[in-house]
Protein backbone atom coordinates (compact mmCIF):
# COMPACT_ATOMS: atom_id res chain seq x y z
CA MET A 1 92.21 -59.40 242.75
CA GLU A 2 88.94 -58.68 240.80
CA VAL A 3 89.15 -55.29 239.14
CA SER A 4 85.15 -53.64 239.30
CA ARG A 5 83.92 -52.09 235.80
CA CYS A 6 81.22 -49.66 234.94
CA LYS A 7 79.48 -47.56 232.11
CA ILE A 8 80.39 -44.45 233.74
CA HIS A 9 82.20 -41.63 231.06
CA VAL A 10 83.26 -38.43 232.73
CA ASP A 11 83.18 -35.74 230.58
CA LEU A 12 85.79 -32.89 231.15
CA THR A 13 83.95 -30.68 229.10
CA LYS A 14 81.54 -30.07 232.02
CA ASP A 15 81.45 -27.84 234.54
CA THR A 16 83.29 -28.84 237.94
CA GLU A 17 80.57 -30.08 239.98
CA THR A 18 79.01 -31.71 237.29
CA MET A 19 82.94 -33.66 236.28
CA ASN A 20 82.90 -33.75 240.45
CA SER A 21 79.41 -35.59 241.17
CA ALA A 22 80.29 -38.18 237.50
CA VAL A 23 83.47 -39.15 239.46
CA ARG A 24 81.36 -39.84 242.97
CA GLN A 25 78.94 -41.87 241.13
CA VAL A 26 82.31 -44.06 239.22
CA CYS A 27 83.77 -44.57 242.66
CA LYS A 28 80.50 -45.60 244.09
CA ALA A 29 80.47 -48.41 241.67
CA VAL A 30 83.44 -49.89 241.83
CA VAL A 31 84.64 -49.57 244.91
CA LYS A 32 82.46 -51.94 246.70
CA GLU A 33 83.22 -50.27 250.35
CA TRP A 34 81.70 -47.22 249.01
CA ALA A 35 78.89 -48.78 247.19
CA ASN A 36 76.20 -47.40 250.10
CA VAL A 37 78.26 -44.50 250.64
CA ASP A 38 76.30 -40.71 250.50
CA GLU A 39 78.04 -38.59 247.76
CA HIS A 40 77.77 -35.88 250.65
CA VAL A 41 81.11 -37.53 252.57
CA MET A 42 83.15 -37.90 249.44
CA GLN A 43 85.83 -34.89 248.51
CA VAL A 44 86.75 -34.51 245.35
CA SER A 45 90.40 -32.82 244.98
CA HIS A 46 93.15 -32.09 242.03
CA ILE A 47 96.42 -33.83 242.38
CA THR A 48 98.77 -32.41 240.41
CA GLY A 49 100.22 -34.64 237.54
CA GLY A 50 101.57 -34.95 234.02
CA ILE A 51 99.90 -33.09 230.96
CA THR A 52 98.15 -36.63 229.77
CA ASN A 53 95.53 -36.92 232.53
CA LEU A 54 93.40 -35.42 235.13
CA LEU A 55 94.35 -36.82 238.11
CA LEU A 56 91.74 -36.72 241.31
CA LYS A 57 91.72 -38.17 245.07
CA VAL A 58 88.65 -38.80 246.35
CA ALA A 59 88.36 -39.56 250.52
CA VAL A 60 85.27 -39.97 252.96
CA SER A 61 85.36 -38.07 255.52
CA SER A 62 83.40 -37.84 258.89
CA ASN A 63 82.97 -34.48 260.29
CA GLY A 64 86.01 -33.10 258.73
CA ILE A 65 88.46 -36.38 259.36
CA SER A 66 89.62 -38.62 255.93
CA LEU A 67 88.82 -41.55 256.27
CA GLU A 68 89.93 -43.52 253.43
CA SER A 69 91.43 -42.44 250.10
CA VAL A 70 91.18 -43.21 246.48
CA THR A 71 92.78 -41.47 243.25
CA VAL A 72 90.55 -41.29 239.92
CA ARG A 73 92.63 -40.78 237.26
CA ILE A 74 90.72 -39.57 233.87
CA PHE A 75 92.19 -40.79 230.51
CA GLY A 76 92.38 -37.91 228.05
CA PRO A 77 89.96 -37.38 225.25
CA ASN A 78 91.40 -39.36 222.32
CA THR A 79 94.75 -40.14 224.18
CA GLU A 80 94.31 -44.00 222.55
CA THR A 81 96.15 -42.18 219.28
CA VAL A 82 99.52 -41.86 221.81
CA ILE A 83 98.65 -44.70 224.28
CA ASP A 84 97.87 -48.93 223.76
CA ARG A 85 95.32 -48.92 226.83
CA GLN A 86 95.62 -52.66 226.48
CA ARG A 87 99.28 -52.82 227.49
CA GLU A 88 99.00 -50.44 230.34
CA LEU A 89 96.45 -52.25 231.85
CA LEU A 90 98.33 -55.73 231.27
CA ALA A 91 101.90 -53.73 232.58
CA ILE A 92 99.72 -52.43 235.72
CA HIS A 93 97.91 -55.77 236.97
CA HIS A 94 101.72 -57.34 236.87
CA LEU A 95 103.58 -54.33 238.54
CA SER A 96 100.99 -53.91 241.29
CA THR A 97 101.66 -57.42 242.11
CA SER A 98 105.25 -56.81 241.96
CA GLY A 99 104.97 -54.63 244.12
CA PHE A 100 105.04 -51.29 242.05
CA GLY A 101 102.76 -48.35 241.94
CA ALA A 102 98.91 -48.53 243.02
CA GLU A 103 97.03 -50.99 243.50
CA LEU A 104 94.55 -50.92 240.30
CA ILE A 105 90.71 -51.32 242.19
CA GLY A 106 88.76 -50.40 238.98
CA LEU A 107 87.92 -49.36 235.85
CA PHE A 108 85.41 -47.03 233.94
CA GLU A 109 85.02 -45.72 230.34
CA ASN A 110 87.36 -42.97 230.14
CA GLY A 111 89.37 -43.94 233.44
CA MET A 112 90.46 -46.06 236.31
CA VAL A 113 90.68 -46.02 240.16
CA GLN A 114 93.84 -46.58 242.14
CA SER A 115 93.97 -47.09 245.46
CA PHE A 116 96.03 -43.64 247.28
CA ILE A 117 99.43 -43.78 247.90
CA VAL A 118 100.47 -42.04 251.06
CA ALA A 119 103.21 -40.23 249.73
CA ARG A 120 104.27 -36.71 248.04
CA THR A 121 105.13 -36.29 244.33
CA LEU A 122 108.72 -35.22 243.73
CA THR A 123 109.49 -31.41 241.30
CA PRO A 124 112.18 -31.49 238.73
CA SER A 125 114.33 -29.48 241.47
CA ASP A 126 113.73 -32.95 244.25
CA ILE A 127 114.64 -36.11 241.97
CA SER A 128 117.98 -33.90 240.81
CA THR A 129 119.58 -34.39 244.73
CA PRO A 130 122.05 -36.88 245.36
CA LYS A 131 120.02 -38.46 247.64
CA ILE A 132 117.06 -38.69 245.52
CA ALA A 133 118.57 -39.79 242.64
CA ALA A 134 120.46 -42.35 244.01
CA ARG A 135 116.92 -43.84 245.14
CA ILE A 136 115.52 -43.52 241.63
CA ALA A 137 118.74 -45.30 240.02
CA ARG A 138 117.91 -48.13 242.02
CA GLU A 139 114.20 -48.44 241.77
CA LEU A 140 113.96 -48.10 238.14
CA ARG A 141 116.63 -50.67 237.89
CA ASN A 142 114.63 -53.26 240.01
CA PHE A 143 112.05 -51.97 237.53
CA HIS A 144 114.05 -52.93 234.59
CA GLU A 145 114.14 -56.45 235.85
CA ALA A 146 110.51 -57.32 236.05
CA ASP A 147 109.37 -59.86 233.97
CA ILE A 148 106.10 -58.71 231.97
CA PRO A 149 104.36 -61.33 230.05
CA MET A 150 103.88 -59.12 226.82
CA SER A 151 106.09 -58.04 223.44
CA LYS A 152 110.11 -58.21 224.55
CA GLU A 153 109.91 -56.43 221.19
CA PRO A 154 111.14 -52.96 222.22
CA GLN A 155 108.34 -50.06 220.93
CA LEU A 156 110.41 -46.69 220.52
CA TRP A 157 110.47 -46.45 216.81
CA VAL A 158 107.32 -48.30 216.56
CA ASP A 159 105.55 -45.82 218.71
CA ILE A 160 107.32 -42.93 217.04
CA SER A 161 106.74 -44.90 213.35
CA LYS A 162 102.56 -44.98 214.85
CA PHE A 163 102.81 -41.17 215.73
CA MET A 164 104.30 -39.87 212.83
CA SER A 165 101.61 -41.16 210.48
CA GLU A 166 98.52 -39.89 212.85
CA ALA A 167 99.95 -36.32 212.98
CA SER A 168 101.13 -36.16 209.47
CA THR A 169 97.37 -36.36 208.25
CA ILE A 170 95.38 -33.83 210.88
CA SER A 171 94.89 -30.09 210.34
CA PHE A 172 93.52 -27.59 213.23
CA GLU A 173 90.39 -25.20 212.80
CA ASP A 174 92.17 -22.44 214.99
CA PRO A 175 94.31 -20.40 212.25
CA LYS A 176 97.22 -19.68 214.35
CA LYS A 177 97.53 -23.06 215.67
CA GLN A 178 97.18 -24.29 211.66
CA GLU A 179 99.88 -21.86 210.26
CA THR A 180 101.89 -22.91 213.28
CA PHE A 181 101.34 -26.40 212.43
CA LEU A 182 102.16 -25.44 208.60
CA SER A 183 105.35 -24.82 209.51
CA ILE A 184 106.81 -28.54 211.11
CA SER A 185 108.50 -30.04 207.86
CA PHE A 186 107.15 -33.88 207.98
CA LEU A 187 110.32 -34.48 205.77
CA GLU A 188 112.64 -33.40 208.06
CA LEU A 189 111.70 -35.02 210.84
CA LEU A 190 111.43 -38.57 208.97
CA GLU A 191 115.02 -37.94 207.70
CA GLU A 192 116.64 -37.39 211.24
CA ILE A 193 114.48 -40.09 212.68
CA GLY A 194 115.66 -42.19 210.01
CA GLU A 195 119.24 -41.19 211.03
CA LEU A 196 118.79 -41.18 214.69
CA LYS A 197 116.94 -44.53 214.45
CA ARG A 198 120.66 -46.31 212.44
CA ALA A 199 122.78 -44.69 215.27
CA CYS A 200 121.01 -46.07 217.91
CA ASP A 201 121.01 -49.13 216.51
CA SER A 202 124.39 -49.49 216.21
CA LEU A 203 124.48 -49.41 219.83
CA ASP A 204 122.88 -52.74 220.21
CA ALA A 205 121.47 -51.28 223.59
CA PRO A 206 119.93 -53.97 226.33
CA ILE A 207 115.98 -54.23 226.27
CA VAL A 208 114.27 -54.21 229.51
CA PHE A 209 110.98 -53.55 230.35
CA ALA A 210 111.14 -49.55 230.81
CA HIS A 211 108.65 -46.98 232.38
CA ASN A 212 109.17 -44.21 229.81
CA ASP A 213 107.90 -41.82 231.37
CA LEU A 214 109.85 -41.03 234.90
CA LEU A 215 109.11 -37.94 235.03
CA ALA A 216 109.52 -35.91 238.20
CA GLY A 217 105.66 -35.92 239.05
CA ASN A 218 105.30 -40.40 238.24
CA VAL A 219 108.20 -40.22 241.07
CA MET A 220 106.43 -40.27 244.75
CA PHE A 221 108.17 -40.25 248.04
CA ASN A 222 107.38 -40.90 251.75
CA TYR A 223 109.63 -39.52 253.96
CA GLU A 224 108.38 -40.78 256.68
CA THR A 225 108.93 -44.29 255.58
CA ASP A 226 111.37 -43.80 253.35
CA LYS A 227 109.44 -45.54 250.83
CA MET A 228 110.05 -44.82 246.92
CA TYR A 229 107.13 -45.23 244.48
CA LEU A 230 107.14 -45.38 240.55
CA ILE A 231 103.77 -44.52 239.31
CA ASP A 232 102.02 -44.24 235.99
CA PHE A 233 102.63 -46.85 233.16
CA GLU A 234 100.83 -45.48 230.47
CA TYR A 235 104.11 -45.51 228.75
CA SER A 236 105.50 -48.55 229.87
CA CYS A 237 106.80 -51.56 227.71
CA TYR A 238 110.01 -53.49 226.77
CA ASN A 239 112.44 -50.82 225.26
CA TYR A 240 115.66 -49.84 225.57
CA ARG A 241 117.75 -49.25 228.52
CA GLY A 242 119.16 -46.11 227.27
CA TYR A 243 116.40 -44.97 226.39
CA ASP A 244 114.67 -45.03 230.04
CA ILE A 245 117.47 -43.61 231.48
CA ALA A 246 117.52 -40.45 229.07
CA ASN A 247 114.27 -40.08 229.22
CA HIS A 248 114.60 -39.57 232.79
CA PHE A 249 117.35 -36.89 232.66
CA ASN A 250 115.47 -35.24 230.07
CA GLU A 251 112.94 -34.55 233.00
CA TYR A 252 115.06 -32.89 234.78
CA ALA A 253 114.71 -29.57 233.29
CA GLY A 254 110.75 -30.12 233.52
CA PHE A 255 107.96 -28.88 231.29
CA GLU A 256 109.58 -25.72 231.21
CA CYS A 257 112.15 -27.62 229.42
CA ASP A 258 115.08 -25.62 231.11
CA TYR A 259 117.82 -27.72 229.84
CA SER A 260 120.56 -25.84 231.32
CA LEU A 261 119.26 -28.24 234.03
CA TYR A 262 120.14 -31.49 232.26
CA PRO A 263 122.63 -33.60 234.21
CA SER A 264 126.56 -33.57 233.69
CA LYS A 265 128.69 -36.47 232.77
CA ASP A 266 129.68 -36.71 236.90
CA VAL A 267 126.12 -36.51 237.76
CA GLN A 268 124.79 -39.04 235.25
CA TYR A 269 127.65 -41.40 236.62
CA PHE A 270 126.75 -40.92 240.06
CA PHE A 271 123.28 -42.51 239.33
CA PHE A 272 124.70 -45.23 237.05
CA ARG A 273 126.78 -46.65 239.52
CA HIS A 274 123.37 -46.62 241.29
CA TYR A 275 121.51 -48.05 238.74
CA LEU A 276 124.01 -50.83 238.28
CA ASN A 277 124.64 -51.93 241.92
CA GLY A 278 120.63 -52.08 242.36
CA LEU A 279 119.12 -52.65 245.19
CA SER A 280 121.45 -55.70 245.81
CA SER A 281 123.18 -55.11 249.39
CA LYS A 282 126.47 -56.06 248.48
CA LYS A 283 128.40 -52.97 246.45
CA VAL A 284 129.19 -54.19 242.93
CA GLU A 285 132.69 -53.56 241.15
CA ILE A 286 131.75 -51.26 238.38
CA THR A 287 134.16 -50.54 235.82
CA GLU A 288 135.25 -46.80 233.41
CA ALA A 289 133.77 -49.36 230.19
CA GLU A 290 131.02 -49.77 231.99
CA LEU A 291 130.24 -46.21 233.01
CA SER A 292 131.68 -45.17 229.82
CA LYS A 293 129.48 -47.22 227.95
CA LEU A 294 125.93 -46.09 229.45
CA TYR A 295 126.69 -42.73 229.04
CA ILE A 296 127.12 -43.05 225.24
CA GLU A 297 124.18 -45.16 224.84
CA THR A 298 122.01 -42.53 227.51
CA SER A 299 123.41 -39.70 225.56
CA CYS A 300 122.63 -41.13 222.19
CA TYR A 301 118.89 -42.24 223.31
CA ALA A 302 118.46 -38.65 225.07
CA LEU A 303 118.19 -37.25 221.39
CA ALA A 304 115.19 -40.04 220.57
CA SER A 305 113.27 -39.24 223.48
CA HIS A 306 113.38 -35.56 221.74
CA ILE A 307 111.59 -37.08 218.65
CA TYR A 308 109.30 -39.16 220.95
CA TRP A 309 107.53 -36.44 222.81
CA ALA A 310 107.94 -33.71 220.19
CA VAL A 311 106.00 -36.13 218.10
CA TRP A 312 103.61 -37.00 220.36
CA ALA A 313 103.21 -32.97 221.25
CA ILE A 314 101.54 -32.50 217.70
CA LEU A 315 98.71 -35.28 218.26
CA GLN A 316 98.17 -33.76 222.04
CA ALA A 317 97.87 -30.09 220.40
CA LYS A 318 95.10 -31.85 217.81
CA PHE A 319 92.61 -33.88 220.66
CA SER A 320 93.92 -32.93 224.32
CA SER A 321 91.75 -30.34 226.50
CA ILE A 322 94.43 -30.05 229.29
CA ASP A 323 95.41 -26.38 228.78
CA PHE A 324 98.85 -26.64 227.87
CA ASP A 325 100.83 -25.41 224.41
CA TYR A 326 101.63 -28.58 223.11
CA LEU A 327 102.53 -26.91 220.03
CA ASP A 328 105.44 -24.75 221.51
CA TYR A 329 106.58 -27.97 222.91
CA PHE A 330 107.05 -29.33 219.80
CA PHE A 331 109.23 -26.42 218.96
CA LEU A 332 110.87 -26.73 222.55
CA ARG A 333 112.01 -30.78 222.24
CA PHE A 334 112.95 -30.39 218.85
CA GLY A 335 114.59 -28.05 219.00
CA GLU A 336 116.29 -28.97 221.71
CA TYR A 337 117.31 -32.46 220.07
CA LYS A 338 118.91 -30.43 217.35
CA ARG A 339 121.06 -28.16 219.72
CA LYS A 340 122.45 -31.69 220.98
CA LYS A 341 122.75 -33.82 218.23
CA GLN A 342 126.20 -33.43 216.79
CA GLU A 343 127.33 -33.03 220.21
CA PHE A 344 125.48 -36.43 221.44
CA LEU A 345 126.47 -38.35 218.24
CA SER A 346 130.25 -37.35 218.24
CA LEU A 347 130.44 -39.35 221.33
CA MET A 348 130.22 -42.86 219.88
CA PRO A 349 132.82 -45.00 218.36
CA SER A 350 131.07 -45.50 214.36
CA HIS A 351 130.41 -41.87 214.39
CA GLN A 352 134.23 -41.06 215.14
CA ILE A 353 135.54 -43.50 212.68
CA ASN A 354 133.18 -41.98 209.93
CA GLU A 355 134.62 -38.79 210.08
């Protein structure tokens, strides 16, 4: 299906009505059926989402009855410093044809319009429940088996290196932010990244097409139809299996970073069993060795997830207009990395041998 495009830019710094008017114009331009729809019957409302973009629902209604809806995603300012938009669009195109996520309807200067998914966005407490966790595990295995025509090289360390190069050169006009920024030791970060990469590389983890941002807000579930949707593929690319699973486990903590909610070994094993079984109707025999390997792999890459989002947060602190304390988020993620580093790395056979 051909994707419509328009040259409209939605300015996030404008007042709500001005911004909403621009959003309506975008929808009229890219949703062909809406070209002649009166703006007054287009209702714009916010959708709960992540901390990178602004998500909106636009509904066409008549006499107070909603007839149809689309989702409008407005990219955060300067997000191209952390997101490869060409890679994202390629992934969306192929994933949507394979039944993942929403259909891409149109593009505008700083965002996209997609079909509206009738389902509830999940919360951190939802994704940790056994029923939902089992479904996510199976859906993620299916996602990992997608064959997307892009570079099969894992991008984790490439992206972290890019983030580090960008983050080390910025400065803040706000004196308090600048003071906080200057307290970050990039030398320490580089040393930790180097050590962690060597540890992770020794695992020889499988490379899969990974979501890379499977937080609760990127999982939707329709309880009436029993249908689950993985959405938002901004960070999706080929990456390490353990990284994608570990990143999801870290998201049990939510944006508040309550890592007391990080899943126990037993809870992880429950997830692994459903993941390894996949969508198969037959129960696959899973060995203790497979579970142990995945547990070690995931534990190591959980540390990489903390590093990735910690460095990412420095850039967001500089460029994002979303009301979120990104510098505090850096310290929360890097702090958890340091807190769990010895425990997680001690699980690795190579680490045990070297002790």
